[in-house]
Each structure stands twice: as structure tokens, then as C-alpha cells.
């Protein structure tokens, strides 16, 4: 029986590559099969040994060797029974014993798909349940461990470097034209959807209340004074040129000179006098304009039309799109420079986070809760897909090849069952025979 089994399965060397749908059969697997064959030889030899002992004991008993031969024959007989029973049980896992179509044999080849389904269900129920995952993650203490790990400066440097590499890679993969189109469309859509006049009015009102506009007024006055000083002839010529044709020229020049001097005096006083009435008028104008921006429907409508006109201009769209290129170049340069402000801040933030995590129990609980929630959600949501991976993978394996591979991994231990069955059977037979003789059997 055993030698027939070996002839069917063990004489030809196994291929290094499994059939389609199977999984790899390596040199290590072949070495395991050789070990299995050695154990099969040992177990079969033991069976043949007890059979020989049985024959010799029976012969010795019939030759009048004495009562002891009965004990030996009983032990050997029971040993053969145990060996044959366990041989049948072990062989039935992988093939039909002696090729006979006995029910409930060749279990692994014929029940492979059911075993895969059962294995998937077992994993899903006992390893992928929300409570099991949550309990396991809580026992690990990820928040505390992560904090201690990040608090190490070397680890913070590693994470910073990896984040920088990932950021550079992401920016390299993204096409500028795509990002520019998305950014431009997002900015335009957001600007169109939100009315800007009330916000501008509130900002202008605060600037006027804080006196922030006065420097702008100072700058305008200084520039206006300097321009008038530099272009006095142009001002007087413009005034004279607007005079009626019937007025004498010297009168036109006199009027132009007078207008220029008054204008220069007004701008000079406004520049030098912080409390000049004109400055107060500017304050009142800006205050009224800020109020109109917030509450006057007509002013707000005009601002919205102006906004739409500005956003619709090609130059503005080109400016929005080109902003991405500048931002991208700045981020890439900062990510590549180990001493850049970006990387230094990221490193400092990681170290600070690690120190807080390693000391703050409440923060550790929060991090653990977030991770537990995320992992439990993934596991419970995709439990079916995960277990189907086991079921479908087992179903795709070739039945015969799968049986051989499993036998290569556990067959050596199964052959010990045969050996133990022979020994235990012999001991049991000896005890039964001894008890029956003791009670006069």
C-alpha cells in the first residue's frame, strides 16, 4: 500500500513552477518532500517490522515456544491495526488510498474550495471583526509608541526627508497645465460665487478707523507736490490753453500762474498739516464709501460688475495660472533644501508632536481612537473583499498541486501519527490481551 502510494506521487521530481492557478513549488518544498519520503519509509518499515514480529510470534507459539508468544503476537497484531488505520487516515487527507473511490477520502483535493471558503469565513469572524481589531490595536498602544518614536531627532529627520521626497514626487508627477486649470477655475468660481463688496467695505472701515490709510494719503501728497514742482510749466500751459480765445495772453499766463501757485500751496499744506481739512474730507469720503460698500445695493452691484470684468480679462487668468508655477518652484526648492524654513518647521513640528504624544495620555487616547476608528471602518467595510481574497485564491489553486504542497509542509508530522499509532496500538493490544488472560480469557 505504501509503496504503491510512493510510486504514484514521489518518484518524479516536482517542477519549480506550479501549474496555472497554483502557487510556486520551490527547492525548499522539494527538500521537505524528501524529508516526508524518509518519514514514510520509517513508518512503513515499522509496519513491516510489527508484521514480521506477528508472523514470527505465531510461528513460535505453534512450535510450543511458550505463553509469551501470545503477548507478543497480540501486541504486534494491534500494532498492525493501528498502523493501517492511521495510514488510511493520513493518506485520505491527500488522495484516495490505493486509488479506491472510498467516500470521504482525498479530502484536500476534493474539498479545496470548501476549505478555502471556511478559512475565509474563519478569518473574517475571528480576525477581522471590529471588536477584535479594536482590542488588538488598543493593546498595542500605537499613540504612545508613535510619540516615543517621533520624539527621537533621528526619526524626525527621517520622516521629514521622506515627506520632502514624497512632496517633490507628487509635484513632479502633476502636470502644470492641469493644476493651473484647476486652480484658475477654482479661484474664478469661488470669486464669482461670493460677493466681495461687503468684505471690502468692512476692511476699509477698519483701516480708516485705525488710521492705516494716512500713510497712503501722505505718499499721494508727497508725490503730488513733487510732480507739481517738476511739471509747473505743464500745469500753467494747460490752464492757459483752456482760457477763452478773446482774453489777452498775459491775462491767461497770470491766471495760470495763480492757479498753479494755489494748487501747489494746497498740496504743500495738505502734505505738511496732519489736521488739514482736506485730510478730514478724505477720511469722511472713505468712511462713507466703506458704508456704501456694505449697505448700498447700487454700489455693491457696481463692484460685482467690476469684479466680473476684471476676472474675465485674459491677463488676470494668466496671472492666476502662473501663480501655480511660482508656488510649485518655491515648494520644490524648500523641500530639497535641508536647511529651508519649510523643512525646519516640519521637523520641529514632528519633534513637538512626538514629545506631546509620549507624555500626554489624553492625546495618546485621541490618536489611538482615530486609528482604531479608521482601521475598524476599513476592516468592517471591506471584510467581504478581504475574505474573498482568501477564498478566490484557494479556489484558483490546482487541486493536485495544492495537495502535494500541503503534504510537503505537514506530511512529516503526519507520518509521526502513523508511527505513534503503531506503538500505541501495540501497547493497547498488549494490555487488552494481558487483561483478558488475567480474567481467564
Protein backbone atom coordinates (compact mmCIF):
# COMPACT_ATOMS: atom_id res chain seq x y z
CA UNK A 1 0.00 0.00 0.00
CA UNK A 2 2.66 2.49 0.99
CA UNK A 3 4.98 1.55 -1.83
CA UNK A 4 2.05 1.94 -4.26
CA UNK A 5 1.39 5.40 -2.89
CA UNK A 6 5.04 6.34 -3.27
CA UNK A 7 5.06 5.08 -6.83
CA UNK A 8 2.11 7.40 -7.64
CA UNK A 9 3.38 10.59 -6.00
CA UNK A 10 7.01 10.59 -5.00
CA UNK A 11 9.14 9.13 -7.79
CA UNK A 12 9.09 12.06 -10.20
CA UNK A 13 10.78 15.34 -9.21
CA UNK A 14 8.43 18.26 -8.74
CA UNK A 15 8.55 21.27 -11.07
CA UNK A 16 9.82 24.60 -9.81
CA UNK A 17 6.79 26.40 -11.21
CA UNK A 18 3.23 25.44 -10.32
CA UNK A 19 0.58 24.78 -12.92
CA UNK A 20 -1.71 27.63 -13.93
CA UNK A 21 -3.75 28.70 -10.94
CA UNK A 22 -1.37 27.09 -8.45
CA UNK A 23 1.35 28.59 -6.30
CA UNK A 24 5.11 28.18 -6.58
CA UNK A 25 6.80 24.91 -5.74
CA UNK A 26 10.34 25.75 -4.67
CA UNK A 27 13.53 23.85 -3.99
CA UNK A 28 12.76 24.18 -0.28
CA UNK A 29 9.44 22.42 -0.88
CA UNK A 30 11.24 19.60 -2.68
CA UNK A 31 13.59 19.22 0.27
CA UNK A 32 10.57 18.97 2.58
CA UNK A 33 9.09 16.27 0.34
CA UNK A 34 12.31 14.28 0.59
CA UNK A 35 12.03 14.50 4.38
CA UNK A 36 8.43 13.31 4.11
CA UNK A 37 9.53 10.36 2.00
CA UNK A 38 12.11 9.41 4.60
CA UNK A 39 9.46 9.50 7.33
CA UNK A 40 7.11 7.44 5.16
CA UNK A 41 9.85 4.87 4.75
CA UNK A 42 10.37 4.77 8.50
CA UNK A 43 6.65 4.42 9.24
CA UNK A 44 6.24 1.73 6.58
CA UNK A 45 9.31 -0.07 7.88
CA UNK A 46 7.82 -0.07 11.34
CA UNK A 47 4.58 -1.56 9.94
CA UNK A 48 6.52 -4.27 8.16
CA UNK A 49 8.53 -4.86 11.33
CA UNK A 50 5.48 -5.49 13.53
CA UNK A 51 4.01 -7.68 10.78
CA UNK A 52 7.19 -9.76 10.78
CA UNK A 53 7.09 -9.93 14.58
CA UNK A 54 3.47 -11.11 14.39
CA UNK A 55 4.37 -13.87 11.94
CA UNK A 56 7.35 -14.99 13.99
CA UNK A 57 5.35 -14.91 17.24
CA UNK A 58 2.60 -17.01 15.73
CA UNK A 59 5.14 -19.48 14.36
CA UNK A 60 6.91 -19.65 17.71
CA UNK A 61 3.61 -20.19 19.50
CA UNK A 62 2.62 -23.03 17.21
CA UNK A 63 6.09 -24.54 17.77
CA UNK A 64 5.47 -24.60 21.54
CA UNK A 65 7.83 -21.76 22.46
CA UNK A 66 5.68 -20.77 25.44
CA UNK A 67 2.92 -18.44 26.59
CA UNK A 68 4.89 -15.29 25.99
CA UNK A 69 4.36 -15.64 22.23
CA UNK A 70 0.67 -14.84 22.73
CA UNK A 71 1.53 -11.50 24.32
CA UNK A 72 3.95 -10.67 21.51
CA UNK A 73 1.50 -11.73 18.81
CA UNK A 74 -1.31 -9.67 20.36
CA UNK A 75 0.88 -6.59 20.61
CA UNK A 76 2.11 -6.98 17.03
CA UNK A 77 -1.40 -7.59 15.73
CA UNK A 78 -2.77 -4.49 17.41
CA UNK A 79 0.25 -2.52 16.21
CA UNK A 80 -0.53 -3.53 12.62
CA UNK A 81 -4.15 -2.48 13.06
CA UNK A 82 -3.13 0.89 14.50
CA UNK A 83 -0.56 1.45 11.74
CA UNK A 84 -3.02 0.57 8.97
CA UNK A 85 -5.77 2.74 10.47
CA UNK A 86 -3.51 5.77 10.77
CA UNK A 87 -2.04 5.15 7.30
CA UNK A 88 -5.58 5.22 5.93
CA UNK A 89 -6.42 8.41 7.86
CA UNK A 90 -3.26 10.26 6.78
CA UNK A 91 -3.47 9.13 3.17
CA UNK A 92 -7.16 10.03 2.94
CA UNK A 93 -6.28 13.68 3.53
CA UNK A 94 -4.34 13.95 0.26
CA UNK A 95 -5.51 11.13 -2.05
CA UNK A 96 -7.70 8.06 -2.33
CA UNK A 97 -5.96 5.14 -0.56
CA UNK A 98 -4.77 2.65 -3.18
CA UNK A 99 -6.86 4.57 -5.73
CA UNK A 100 -10.14 3.21 -4.38
CA UNK A 101 -13.17 5.55 -4.58
CA UNK A 102 -13.86 5.36 -0.85
CA UNK A 103 -16.21 8.10 0.44
CA UNK A 104 -14.68 10.95 2.46
CA UNK A 105 -11.14 10.42 1.12
CA UNK A 106 -8.86 12.75 -0.87
CA UNK A 107 -10.27 15.49 1.35
CA UNK A 108 -7.90 18.31 0.40
CA UNK A 109 -8.15 17.91 -3.41
CA UNK A 110 -11.92 17.41 -3.43
CA UNK A 111 -12.83 19.86 -0.65
CA UNK A 112 -10.26 22.54 -1.52
CA UNK A 113 -12.81 25.20 -2.44
CA UNK A 114 -14.96 24.48 0.63
CA UNK A 115 -11.86 24.61 2.82
CA UNK A 116 -10.96 27.97 1.27
CA UNK A 117 -14.45 29.28 1.96
CA UNK A 118 -14.33 28.01 5.53
CA UNK A 119 -10.89 29.53 6.02
CA UNK A 120 -12.13 32.88 4.70
CA UNK A 121 -15.16 32.78 6.99
CA UNK A 122 -12.99 31.80 9.96
CA UNK A 123 -10.59 34.69 9.33
CA UNK A 124 -13.46 37.12 8.87
CA UNK A 125 -15.24 36.09 12.06
CA UNK A 126 -12.23 35.70 14.33
CA UNK A 127 -9.62 38.13 12.99
CA UNK A 128 -11.49 40.83 11.07
CA UNK A 129 -14.30 41.63 13.49
CA UNK A 130 -14.43 45.19 14.73
CA UNK A 131 -14.08 44.25 18.40
CA UNK A 132 -11.05 42.01 17.80
CA UNK A 133 -9.27 44.66 15.75
CA UNK A 134 -10.09 47.42 18.23
CA UNK A 135 -8.93 45.34 21.22
CA UNK A 136 -5.69 44.41 19.49
CA UNK A 137 -4.90 47.98 18.46
CA UNK A 138 -5.68 49.24 21.96
CA UNK A 139 -3.29 46.72 23.49
CA UNK A 140 -0.51 47.84 21.16
CA UNK A 141 -0.65 51.48 22.32
CA UNK A 142 0.18 52.99 18.93
CA UNK A 143 -0.12 56.59 20.10
CA UNK A 144 2.44 56.17 22.89
CA UNK A 145 4.84 54.22 20.68
CA UNK A 146 4.48 56.69 17.83
CA UNK A 147 5.17 59.56 20.20
CA UNK A 148 8.34 57.95 21.55
CA UNK A 149 9.49 57.18 18.03
CA UNK A 150 8.87 60.69 16.69
CA UNK A 151 10.49 62.29 19.74
CA UNK A 152 13.81 60.86 18.54
CA UNK A 153 15.56 63.52 16.43
CA UNK A 154 16.93 60.90 14.04
CA UNK A 155 13.46 59.55 13.34
CA UNK A 156 12.04 63.05 12.91
CA UNK A 157 14.77 63.73 10.34
CA UNK A 158 13.87 60.52 8.50
CA UNK A 159 10.18 61.37 8.40
CA UNK A 160 10.94 64.92 7.24
CA UNK A 161 13.16 63.61 4.46
CA UNK A 162 10.55 61.07 3.36
CA UNK A 163 7.80 63.69 3.38
CA UNK A 164 10.01 66.01 1.33
CA UNK A 165 10.70 63.25 -1.18
CA UNK A 166 7.00 62.41 -1.43
CA UNK A 167 6.12 66.09 -1.88
CA UNK A 168 8.70 66.54 -4.62
CA UNK A 169 7.49 63.38 -6.32
CA UNK A 170 3.86 64.49 -6.20
CA UNK A 171 4.69 67.92 -7.61
CA UNK A 172 6.80 66.32 -10.33
CA UNK A 173 4.03 63.94 -11.38
CA UNK A 174 1.39 66.67 -11.53
CA UNK A 175 1.21 68.44 -14.87
CA UNK A 176 1.43 72.22 -14.53
CA UNK A 177 -1.26 72.79 -17.16
CA UNK A 178 -3.74 70.59 -15.29
CA UNK A 179 -3.05 72.20 -11.93
CA UNK A 180 -3.15 75.70 -13.40
CA UNK A 181 -6.50 74.98 -15.00
CA UNK A 182 -7.90 73.62 -11.73
CA UNK A 183 -6.52 76.50 -9.65
CA UNK A 184 -7.73 79.12 -12.11
CA UNK A 185 -11.19 77.58 -12.32
CA UNK A 186 -11.42 77.19 -8.54
CA UNK A 187 -10.39 80.78 -7.84
CA UNK A 188 -12.72 82.16 -10.53
CA UNK A 189 -15.67 80.05 -9.35
CA UNK A 190 -15.08 80.99 -5.72
CA UNK A 191 -14.79 84.68 -6.59
CA UNK A 192 -17.95 84.58 -8.71
CA UNK A 193 -19.90 82.79 -6.01
CA UNK A 194 -19.02 85.18 -3.20
CA UNK A 195 -19.89 88.88 -3.08
CA UNK A 196 -16.79 90.88 -2.26
CA UNK A 197 -18.17 94.37 -1.69
CA UNK A 198 -19.24 93.88 1.97
CA UNK A 199 -15.88 92.34 2.83
CA UNK A 200 -14.01 95.18 1.17
CA UNK A 201 -16.24 97.67 2.97
CA UNK A 202 -15.57 96.11 6.37
CA UNK A 203 -11.84 96.02 5.71
CA UNK A 204 -11.81 99.64 4.51
CA UNK A 205 -13.83 100.75 7.53
CA UNK A 206 -11.35 99.11 9.89
CA UNK A 207 -8.38 100.61 8.03
CA UNK A 208 -9.86 104.11 8.27
CA UNK A 209 -10.75 103.64 11.94
CA UNK A 210 -7.17 102.57 12.71
CA UNK A 211 -5.68 105.36 10.59
CA UNK A 212 -3.98 102.91 8.31
CA UNK A 213 -4.88 104.94 5.21
CA UNK A 214 -2.94 108.03 6.33
CA UNK A 215 0.37 106.75 5.06
CA UNK A 216 -1.20 106.30 1.66
CA UNK A 217 -2.53 109.87 1.80
CA UNK A 218 0.94 111.07 2.87
CA UNK A 219 2.51 109.27 -0.07
CA UNK A 220 -0.03 110.72 -2.52
CA UNK A 221 0.54 114.26 -1.20
CA UNK A 222 4.32 113.93 -1.41
CA UNK A 223 4.18 112.56 -4.93
CA UNK A 224 1.64 115.23 -6.00
CA UNK A 225 3.84 118.02 -4.59
CA UNK A 226 6.95 116.70 -6.28
CA UNK A 227 5.10 116.32 -9.58
CA UNK A 228 3.74 119.89 -9.42
CA UNK A 229 7.21 121.26 -8.70
CA UNK A 230 8.68 119.32 -11.60
CA UNK A 231 5.87 120.00 -14.10
CA UNK A 232 4.83 123.56 -13.19
CA UNK A 233 5.08 124.77 -16.80
CA UNK A 234 2.83 121.97 -17.97
CA UNK A 235 0.17 122.92 -15.41
CA UNK A 236 0.27 126.60 -16.34
CA UNK A 237 0.17 125.75 -20.06
CA UNK A 238 -2.84 123.50 -19.51
CA UNK A 239 -4.68 126.26 -17.60
CA UNK A 240 -3.78 128.92 -20.19
CA UNK A 241 -4.80 126.64 -23.03
CA UNK A 242 -8.27 126.30 -21.57
CA UNK A 243 -8.87 130.08 -21.46
CA UNK A 244 -11.23 131.78 -23.97
CA UNK A 245 -9.63 132.99 -27.18
CA UNK A 246 -10.64 136.60 -26.68
CA UNK A 247 -8.67 137.06 -23.40
CA UNK A 248 -5.21 138.63 -23.62
CA UNK A 249 -2.31 136.25 -23.34
CA UNK A 250 -0.73 137.98 -20.33
CA UNK A 251 -4.02 137.56 -18.50
CA UNK A 252 -4.04 133.83 -19.34
CA UNK A 253 -0.50 133.49 -18.07
CA UNK A 254 -1.39 135.42 -14.95
CA UNK A 255 -4.38 133.19 -14.25
CA UNK A 256 -2.35 130.03 -14.98
CA UNK A 257 0.41 131.14 -12.64
CA UNK A 258 -2.12 132.00 -9.96
CA UNK A 259 -3.88 128.61 -10.28
CA UNK A 260 -0.57 126.75 -10.19
CA UNK A 261 0.62 128.58 -7.06
CA UNK A 262 -2.69 127.98 -5.27
CA UNK A 263 -2.64 124.34 -6.24
CA UNK A 264 0.96 123.99 -5.07
CA UNK A 265 0.15 125.75 -1.81
CA UNK A 266 -2.86 123.49 -1.22
CA UNK A 267 -0.86 120.31 -1.81
CA UNK A 268 2.03 121.58 0.33
CA UNK A 269 -0.26 122.42 3.24
CA UNK A 270 -2.02 119.12 2.93
CA UNK A 271 1.35 117.35 2.95
CA UNK A 272 2.66 119.21 5.96
CA UNK A 273 -0.50 119.53 8.09
CA UNK A 274 -1.81 116.24 9.56
CA UNK A 275 -5.00 118.05 10.60
CA UNK A 276 -5.64 119.71 7.24
CA UNK A 277 -9.36 119.94 6.42
CA UNK A 278 -8.81 118.11 3.15
CA UNK A 279 -7.45 115.13 5.03
CA UNK A 280 -10.62 115.10 7.12
CA UNK A 281 -12.62 115.19 3.91
CA UNK A 282 -10.68 112.16 2.66
CA UNK A 283 -11.44 110.36 5.93
CA UNK A 284 -15.15 111.13 5.58
CA UNK A 285 -15.16 110.08 1.94
CA UNK A 286 -13.52 106.74 2.73
CA UNK A 287 -15.86 106.17 5.67
CA UNK A 288 -18.92 106.88 3.53
CA UNK A 289 -17.57 104.72 0.73
CA UNK A 290 -16.96 101.82 3.15
CA UNK A 291 -20.56 102.18 4.38
CA UNK A 292 -21.86 102.18 0.80
CA UNK A 293 -19.86 99.05 0.03
CA UNK A 294 -21.55 97.29 2.89
CA UNK A 295 -25.11 98.57 2.59
CA UNK A 296 -25.78 100.41 -0.69
CA UNK A 297 -27.22 97.97 -3.31
CA UNK A 298 -26.16 100.10 -6.27
CA UNK A 299 -22.55 100.40 -5.09
CA UNK A 300 -22.39 96.68 -4.37
CA UNK A 301 -23.79 95.87 -7.81
CA UNK A 302 -21.16 98.09 -9.45
CA UNK A 303 -18.39 96.35 -7.55
CA UNK A 304 -19.70 92.94 -8.64
CA UNK A 305 -19.77 94.05 -12.29
CA UNK A 306 -16.24 95.38 -11.96
CA UNK A 307 -15.14 92.12 -10.36
CA UNK A 308 -16.60 90.09 -13.21
CA UNK A 309 -14.94 92.31 -15.79
CA UNK A 310 -11.56 92.02 -14.07
CA UNK A 311 -11.76 88.25 -13.63
CA UNK A 312 -12.82 87.83 -17.24
CA UNK A 313 -9.71 89.51 -18.61
CA UNK A 314 -7.11 87.17 -20.10
CA UNK A 315 -4.29 88.91 -18.27
CA UNK A 316 -5.89 88.15 -14.91
CA UNK A 317 -6.46 84.48 -15.83
CA UNK A 318 -2.85 84.19 -16.97
CA UNK A 319 -1.72 85.73 -13.69
CA UNK A 320 -3.79 83.25 -11.67
CA UNK A 321 -2.47 80.33 -13.70
CA UNK A 322 1.15 81.46 -13.48
CA UNK A 323 0.88 81.73 -9.69
CA UNK A 324 0.98 77.91 -9.51
CA UNK A 325 4.34 77.78 -11.24
CA UNK A 326 5.82 80.20 -8.72
CA UNK A 327 4.31 78.33 -5.76
CA UNK A 328 5.46 74.96 -7.14
CA UNK A 329 9.04 76.17 -7.68
CA UNK A 330 9.12 77.64 -4.18
CA UNK A 331 7.82 74.42 -2.56
CA UNK A 332 10.21 72.17 -4.53
CA UNK A 333 13.19 74.36 -3.64
CA UNK A 334 12.19 74.37 0.03
CA UNK A 335 11.69 70.58 0.02
CA UNK A 336 15.14 69.98 -1.50
CA UNK A 337 16.98 72.29 0.89
CA UNK A 338 17.66 70.55 4.21
CA UNK A 339 18.02 73.91 5.96
CA UNK A 340 14.94 75.52 4.42
CA UNK A 341 12.36 77.07 6.70
CA UNK A 342 9.76 74.59 5.48
CA UNK A 343 11.77 71.51 6.43
CA UNK A 344 12.94 73.01 9.71
CA UNK A 345 9.37 73.82 10.68
CA UNK A 346 8.15 70.34 9.70
CA UNK A 347 10.96 68.75 11.71
CA UNK A 348 10.21 70.93 14.73
CA UNK A 349 6.51 70.12 14.45
CA UNK A 350 7.23 66.39 14.35
CA UNK A 351 9.51 66.57 17.37
CA UNK A 352 6.93 68.61 19.27
CA UNK A 353 4.19 66.17 18.32
CA UNK A 354 6.33 63.23 19.40
CA UNK A 355 7.11 64.79 22.77
CA UNK A 356 3.45 65.59 23.40
CA UNK A 357 2.34 62.13 22.34
CA UNK A 358 4.87 60.44 24.57
CA UNK A 359 3.71 62.41 27.66
CA UNK A 360 0.07 63.37 27.13
CA UNK A 361 -2.23 60.47 27.90
CA UNK A 362 -5.31 62.23 26.57
CA UNK A 363 -3.61 62.91 23.23
CA UNK A 364 -2.50 59.28 23.09
CA UNK A 365 -6.10 58.21 23.64
CA UNK A 366 -7.25 60.53 20.86
CA UNK A 367 -4.70 59.19 18.39
CA UNK A 368 -5.50 55.61 19.37
CA UNK A 369 -9.19 56.34 18.95
CA UNK A 370 -8.67 57.87 15.49
CA UNK A 371 -6.56 54.94 14.34
CA UNK A 372 -8.92 52.38 15.83
CA UNK A 373 -11.89 54.04 14.17
CA UNK A 374 -10.14 54.23 10.79
CA UNK A 375 -8.89 50.64 10.86
CA UNK A 376 -12.19 49.24 12.15
CA UNK A 377 -14.05 51.13 9.44
CA UNK A 378 -11.78 49.73 6.72
CA UNK A 379 -11.91 46.20 8.14
CA UNK A 380 -15.67 46.08 8.66
CA UNK A 381 -16.46 47.83 5.39
CA UNK A 382 -14.19 45.70 3.26
CA UNK A 383 -14.33 42.48 5.26
CA UNK A 384 -16.05 40.67 2.41
CA UNK A 385 -13.40 41.75 -0.10
CA UNK A 386 -10.60 40.70 2.26
CA UNK A 387 -12.02 37.25 2.95
CA UNK A 388 -12.90 36.77 -0.71
CA UNK A 389 -9.22 37.19 -1.46
CA UNK A 390 -8.55 34.04 0.60
CA UNK A 391 -11.48 32.15 -0.90
CA UNK A 392 -10.76 33.09 -4.50
CA UNK A 393 -7.02 32.50 -4.13
CA UNK A 394 -7.55 28.99 -2.74
CA UNK A 395 -10.14 28.29 -5.45
CA UNK A 396 -7.62 29.26 -8.13
CA UNK A 397 -5.04 26.73 -6.94
CA UNK A 398 -4.60 23.46 -8.81
CA UNK A 399 -6.06 20.70 -6.59
CA UNK A 400 -3.34 18.09 -7.10
CA UNK A 401 -0.52 20.56 -6.84
CA UNK A 402 -2.05 22.14 -3.73
CA UNK A 403 -2.35 18.72 -2.09
CA UNK A 404 1.29 17.95 -2.79
CA UNK A 405 2.49 21.28 -1.47
CA UNK A 406 0.50 21.00 1.75
CA UNK A 407 1.71 17.44 2.21
CA UNK A 408 5.30 18.65 1.78
CA UNK A 409 4.83 21.09 4.66
CA UNK A 410 2.90 18.95 7.17
CA UNK A 411 3.43 15.40 5.89
CA UNK A 412 6.46 14.73 8.10
CA UNK A 413 4.44 15.40 11.24
CA UNK A 414 1.59 13.27 9.88
CA UNK A 415 3.96 10.33 9.44
CA UNK A 416 4.70 10.56 13.18
CA UNK A 417 0.99 9.90 13.68
CA UNK A 418 1.43 6.60 11.84
CA UNK A 419 4.44 5.73 14.00
CA UNK A 420 2.58 6.68 17.16
CA UNK A 421 -0.43 4.67 16.00
CA UNK A 422 1.74 1.61 15.56
CA UNK A 423 3.33 1.97 19.02
CA UNK A 424 0.11 2.90 20.85
CA UNK A 425 -1.79 0.13 19.05
CA UNK A 426 0.80 -2.42 20.10
CA UNK A 427 0.66 -1.24 23.72
CA UNK A 428 -3.13 -1.25 23.70
CA UNK A 429 -3.23 -4.75 22.21
CA UNK A 430 -0.74 -5.99 24.79
CA UNK A 431 -2.82 -4.51 27.65
CA UNK A 432 -6.08 -5.94 26.30
CA UNK A 433 -4.51 -9.37 25.84
CA UNK A 434 -2.99 -9.25 29.33
CA UNK A 435 -6.28 -8.24 30.93
CA UNK A 436 -8.19 -10.95 29.07
CA UNK A 437 -5.67 -13.58 30.19
CA UNK A 438 -5.79 -12.31 33.75
CA UNK A 439 -9.58 -12.81 33.84
CA UNK A 440 -9.31 -16.21 32.25
CA UNK A 441 -9.97 -15.21 28.61
